[in-house]
């Protein structure tokens, strides 16, 4: 009986050592992503999802992080969404449908926390005719779409805790 109990304990310990920890599991991102130095250009079809210090990019700075995680978003299905940092502008056919704040998207180590710096992007490429969607920003409709109305939505408030005004447009696919 004692040997059986010892064997069970050893087997359980082996499984725990080989299984990813919860921290490792939560750090994984869906889709292809990679870490690069902060000054590296972002490839077409990709967006940054986090900024951090990485010794492979040299001595960490005192004001700005020296690395970023970039994720390929161009393979997102039509109508699919992906969450990225706000800058740079997204690839063609991707529009912000919500804004939020994330510490991961702070480029500076002394964040002001006043402006939302993260966005939910929706891929409008390939959506069917008649589909409607609200995109952040008062702007012209993308090619093949028409503006239905200028609207107000809390999902598109840029300053954190800011007031709501006309800050989005409802669009319809022609």
Protein backbone atom coordinates (compact mmCIF):
# COMPACT_ATOMS: atom_id res chain seq x y z
CA UNK A 1 0.00 0.00 0.00
CA UNK A 2 2.85 2.35 0.88
CA UNK A 3 4.54 1.71 -2.51
CA UNK A 4 1.27 2.41 -4.34
CA UNK A 5 0.83 5.71 -2.49
CA UNK A 6 4.45 6.67 -3.25
CA UNK A 7 3.96 5.83 -6.94
CA UNK A 8 0.81 8.01 -7.09
CA UNK A 9 2.62 10.96 -5.46
CA UNK A 10 5.58 10.62 -7.84
CA UNK A 11 3.27 10.42 -10.89
CA UNK A 12 1.31 13.49 -9.75
CA UNK A 13 4.54 15.44 -9.23
CA UNK A 14 5.73 14.49 -12.73
CA UNK A 15 2.46 15.66 -14.29
CA UNK A 16 2.66 18.98 -12.41
CA UNK A 17 6.23 19.55 -13.57
CA UNK A 18 5.39 18.85 -17.20
CA UNK A 19 2.14 20.86 -17.27
CA UNK A 20 2.28 24.58 -18.06
CA UNK A 21 1.72 26.79 -15.07
CA UNK A 22 -1.34 29.09 -15.05
CA UNK A 23 1.00 32.05 -15.59
CA UNK A 24 2.45 30.43 -18.72
CA UNK A 25 -1.02 29.63 -20.04
CA UNK A 26 -2.32 33.17 -19.53
CA UNK A 27 0.77 34.70 -21.15
CA UNK A 28 0.15 32.89 -24.43
CA UNK A 29 -1.52 34.79 -27.23
CA UNK A 30 -3.81 33.49 -29.93
CA UNK A 31 -2.34 33.70 -33.40
CA UNK A 32 1.29 34.16 -34.40
CA UNK A 33 3.11 36.70 -32.27
CA UNK A 34 6.72 37.63 -31.65
CA UNK A 35 8.81 39.85 -29.43
CA UNK A 36 10.97 42.49 -31.12
CA UNK A 37 12.96 45.52 -30.04
CA UNK A 38 10.91 48.72 -29.76
CA UNK A 39 12.67 50.40 -32.70
CA UNK A 40 11.94 47.48 -35.08
CA UNK A 41 9.35 48.24 -37.75
CA UNK A 42 5.99 46.55 -37.46
CA UNK A 43 5.38 44.23 -40.43
CA UNK A 44 2.38 44.87 -42.66
CA UNK A 45 -0.67 43.07 -41.28
CA UNK A 46 0.60 43.11 -37.68
CA UNK A 47 -0.08 45.26 -34.62
CA UNK A 48 1.61 45.69 -31.22
CA UNK A 49 -0.12 44.10 -28.24
CA UNK A 50 2.32 44.93 -25.40
CA UNK A 51 5.43 46.93 -24.49
CA UNK A 52 8.05 45.76 -21.99
CA UNK A 53 11.79 45.65 -21.18
CA UNK A 54 13.81 42.84 -22.75
CA UNK A 55 17.55 42.43 -22.15
CA UNK A 56 17.99 41.09 -25.69
CA UNK A 57 17.31 44.67 -26.82
CA UNK A 58 20.00 46.14 -24.57
CA UNK A 59 19.90 47.83 -21.22
CA UNK A 60 16.33 48.74 -20.27
CA UNK A 61 15.58 52.43 -20.60
CA UNK A 62 14.41 54.69 -17.83
CA UNK A 63 11.55 56.40 -19.65
CA UNK A 64 10.39 54.04 -22.42
CA UNK A 65 10.23 50.27 -22.72
CA UNK A 66 12.76 48.79 -25.17
CA UNK A 67 10.68 45.93 -26.65
CA UNK A 68 7.21 45.11 -27.91
CA UNK A 69 5.10 42.09 -28.74
CA UNK A 70 3.60 42.17 -32.21
CA UNK A 71 0.81 39.94 -33.43
CA UNK A 72 -0.20 39.09 -36.99
CA UNK A 73 -3.83 40.14 -37.38
CA UNK A 74 -4.23 40.02 -41.16
CA UNK A 75 -5.46 36.41 -40.95
CA UNK A 76 -8.42 37.39 -38.75
CA UNK A 77 -11.67 36.09 -40.30
CA UNK A 78 -14.22 38.49 -41.79
CA UNK A 79 -16.16 40.04 -38.91
CA UNK A 80 -13.59 38.71 -36.42
CA UNK A 81 -12.07 40.89 -33.73
CA UNK A 82 -8.64 41.25 -32.20
CA UNK A 83 -7.43 43.45 -29.33
CA UNK A 84 -4.29 45.53 -29.96
CA UNK A 85 -2.58 48.70 -28.82
CA UNK A 86 -3.91 51.87 -30.50
CA UNK A 87 -0.79 52.88 -32.41
CA UNK A 88 0.11 52.57 -35.28
CA UNK A 89 -2.94 52.73 -37.57
CA UNK A 90 -4.40 49.27 -38.26
CA UNK A 91 -4.09 47.40 -41.56
CA UNK A 92 -6.59 48.13 -44.36
CA UNK A 93 -10.06 46.83 -43.59
CA UNK A 94 -9.64 46.81 -39.79
CA UNK A 95 -11.60 49.40 -37.81
CA UNK A 96 -11.79 50.13 -34.08
CA UNK A 97 -15.13 49.12 -32.59
CA UNK A 98 -14.18 49.68 -28.93
CA UNK A 99 -11.50 51.50 -26.92
CA UNK A 100 -10.13 50.59 -23.50
CA UNK A 101 -7.08 51.00 -21.26
CA UNK A 102 -4.34 48.44 -20.71
CA UNK A 103 -1.08 48.83 -18.81
CA UNK A 104 0.45 46.52 -21.45
CA UNK A 105 -0.09 49.20 -24.10
CA UNK A 106 1.79 51.93 -22.23
CA UNK A 107 4.96 52.76 -24.16
CA UNK A 108 6.17 55.01 -21.35
CA UNK A 109 7.18 53.76 -17.89
CA UNK A 110 5.42 56.78 -16.40
CA UNK A 111 1.92 56.35 -17.85
CA UNK A 112 -0.60 59.12 -17.51
CA UNK A 113 -3.54 56.71 -17.67
CA UNK A 114 -5.73 59.52 -19.02
CA UNK A 115 -6.29 58.23 -22.55
CA UNK A 116 -7.47 54.80 -23.63
CA UNK A 117 -4.58 53.06 -25.37
CA UNK A 118 -6.06 49.74 -26.46
CA UNK A 119 -8.60 48.98 -29.18
CA UNK A 120 -10.78 46.16 -30.36
CA UNK A 121 -10.35 45.94 -34.13
CA UNK A 122 -12.96 44.34 -36.37
CA UNK A 123 -12.05 42.99 -39.79
CA UNK A 124 -14.70 44.33 -42.19
CA UNK A 125 -13.09 42.76 -45.27
CA UNK A 126 -15.43 40.21 -46.85
CA UNK A 127 -18.53 41.01 -44.80
CA UNK A 128 -21.85 40.49 -46.65
CA UNK A 129 -24.00 43.27 -48.11
CA UNK A 130 -26.47 44.79 -45.68
CA UNK A 131 -24.25 44.18 -42.62
CA UNK A 132 -24.18 47.13 -40.19
CA UNK A 133 -21.46 48.00 -37.73
CA UNK A 134 -20.49 50.87 -35.43
CA UNK A 135 -16.89 52.04 -35.80
CA UNK A 136 -15.12 54.50 -33.51
CA UNK A 137 -14.41 58.02 -34.75
CA UNK A 138 -16.52 60.40 -36.77
CA UNK A 139 -15.17 59.56 -40.21
CA UNK A 140 -16.12 58.79 -43.78
CA UNK A 141 -17.35 55.31 -44.58
CA UNK A 142 -14.79 52.81 -45.89
CA UNK A 143 -14.98 51.96 -49.62
CA UNK A 144 -18.08 49.82 -50.32
CA UNK A 145 -19.83 51.03 -47.16
CA UNK A 146 -22.13 53.97 -46.40
CA UNK A 147 -22.58 56.02 -43.22
CA UNK A 148 -26.03 55.42 -41.74
CA UNK A 149 -25.70 57.80 -38.77
CA UNK A 150 -23.29 59.61 -36.50
CA UNK A 151 -23.74 58.06 -33.05
CA UNK A 152 -22.64 58.22 -29.43
CA UNK A 153 -21.31 55.12 -27.69
CA UNK A 154 -19.42 54.53 -24.47
CA UNK A 155 -17.34 51.91 -26.27
CA UNK A 156 -15.59 54.65 -28.25
CA UNK A 157 -14.75 57.21 -25.54
CA UNK A 158 -11.05 58.09 -26.00
CA UNK A 159 -10.30 59.91 -22.71
CA UNK A 160 -10.74 57.50 -19.80
CA UNK A 161 -13.80 58.54 -17.85
CA UNK A 162 -14.47 61.24 -20.43
CA UNK A 163 -17.84 62.50 -21.50
CA UNK A 164 -19.72 61.01 -24.35
CA UNK A 165 -20.47 62.93 -27.52
CA UNK A 166 -20.68 62.12 -31.20
CA UNK A 167 -17.74 59.70 -31.31
CA UNK A 168 -18.64 56.97 -33.80
CA UNK A 169 -20.46 56.20 -37.02
CA UNK A 170 -22.88 53.46 -37.88
CA UNK A 171 -21.98 52.03 -41.30
CA UNK A 172 -23.74 49.61 -43.67
CA UNK A 173 -22.17 47.43 -46.36
CA UNK A 174 -23.51 48.25 -49.82
